Amino acid sequence: MAETAKALFKEIAPAHKQPHGKVTVVGVGQVGMACAYSILQQVSDAILG
């Protein structure tokens, strides 16, 4: 299985040392709104200070 993953996925750029703070949710249907709500719940402490 690990060999299959290596064959399918190839690193095209090194990982960033610092994570980005931007998230894009594509679609505003039920799934998109659920994702946006979940993300806001997870980062609400950071948003409110």
C-alpha atoms as a PDB file:
ATOM      1  CA  MET A   1       0.000   0.000   0.000  1.00  0.00           C
ATOM      2  CA  ALA A   2       2.834   2.400   0.815  1.00  0.00           C
ATOM      3  CA  GLU A   3       4.357   1.753  -2.592  1.00  0.00           C
ATOM      4  CA  THR A   4       1.055   2.619  -4.253  1.00  0.00           C
ATOM      5  CA  ALA A   5       0.832   5.878  -2.319  1.00  0.00           C
ATOM      6  CA  LYS A   6       4.387   6.786  -3.323  1.00  0.00           C
ATOM      7  CA  ALA A   7       3.545   6.049  -6.954  1.00  0.00           C
ATOM      8  CA  LEU A   8       0.387   8.168  -6.877  1.00  0.00           C
ATOM      9  CA  PHE A   9       1.574  11.120  -4.815  1.00  0.00           C
ATOM     10  CA  LYS A  10       4.678  13.122  -5.619  1.00  0.00           C
ATOM     11  CA  GLU A  11       5.930  16.109  -3.625  1.00  0.00           C
ATOM     12  CA  ILE A  12       5.983  19.108  -5.965  1.00  0.00           C
ATOM     13  CA  ALA A  13       7.055  21.686  -3.400  1.00  0.00           C
ATOM     14  CA  PRO A  14       8.440  21.512   0.129  1.00  0.00           C
ATOM     15  CA  ALA A  15       5.972  21.953   2.972  1.00  0.00           C
ATOM     16  CA  HIS A  16       5.647  25.414   4.486  1.00  0.00           C
ATOM     17  CA  LYS A  17       7.176  25.846   7.929  1.00  0.00           C
ATOM     18  CA  GLN A  18       4.367  28.140   9.099  1.00  0.00           C
ATOM     19  CA  PRO A  19       0.750  27.167   8.412  1.00  0.00           C
ATOM     20  CA  HIS A  20      -1.432  29.562   6.491  1.00  0.00           C
ATOM     21  CA  GLY A  21      -4.510  31.083   8.069  1.00  0.00           C
ATOM     22  CA  LYS A  22      -6.658  31.170   4.941  1.00  0.00           C
ATOM     23  CA  VAL A  23      -9.366  28.664   4.071  1.00  0.00           C
ATOM     24  CA  THR A  24     -11.543  28.643   0.970  1.00  0.00           C
ATOM     25  CA  VAL A  25     -14.859  26.803   1.057  1.00  0.00           C
ATOM     26  CA  VAL A  26     -16.135  26.136  -2.454  1.00  0.00           C
ATOM     27  CA  GLY A  27     -19.884  25.765  -2.656  1.00  0.00           C
ATOM     28  CA  VAL A  28     -22.609  27.091  -0.412  1.00  0.00           C
ATOM     29  CA  GLY A  29     -24.824  24.030  -0.312  1.00  0.00           C
ATOM     30  CA  GLN A  30     -25.420  22.010   2.814  1.00  0.00           C
ATOM     31  CA  VAL A  31     -21.967  20.433   2.753  1.00  0.00           C
ATOM     32  CA  GLY A  32     -20.181  23.753   2.137  1.00  0.00           C
ATOM     33  CA  MET A  33     -22.093  25.458   4.922  1.00  0.00           C
ATOM     34  CA  ALA A  34     -21.397  22.551   7.288  1.00  0.00           C
ATOM     35  CA  CYS A  35     -17.670  22.767   6.498  1.00  0.00           C
ATOM     36  CA  ALA A  36     -17.609  26.536   7.020  1.00  0.00           C
ATOM     37  CA  TYR A  37     -19.491  26.217  10.315  1.00  0.00           C
ATOM     38  CA  SER A  38     -17.149  23.470  11.523  1.00  0.00           C
ATOM     39  CA  ILE A  39     -14.063  25.531  10.685  1.00  0.00           C
ATOM     40  CA  LEU A  40     -15.486  28.586  12.451  1.00  0.00           C
ATOM     41  CA  GLN A  41     -16.254  26.497  15.535  1.00  0.00           C
ATOM     42  CA  GLN A  42     -12.664  25.228  15.621  1.00  0.00           C
ATOM     43  CA  VAL A  43     -11.067  28.670  15.326  1.00  0.00           C
ATOM     44  CA  SER A  44     -13.625  30.710  17.274  1.00  0.00           C
ATOM     45  CA  ASP A  45     -11.234  31.176  20.208  1.00  0.00           C
ATOM     46  CA  ALA A  46      -8.617  32.689  17.910  1.00  0.00           C
ATOM     47  CA  ILE A  47     -11.173  34.967  16.242  1.00  0.00           C
ATOM     48  CA  LEU A  48     -12.638  36.289  19.501  1.00  0.00           C
ATOM     49  CA  GLY A  49      -9.244  36.910  21.013  1.00  0.00           C
END
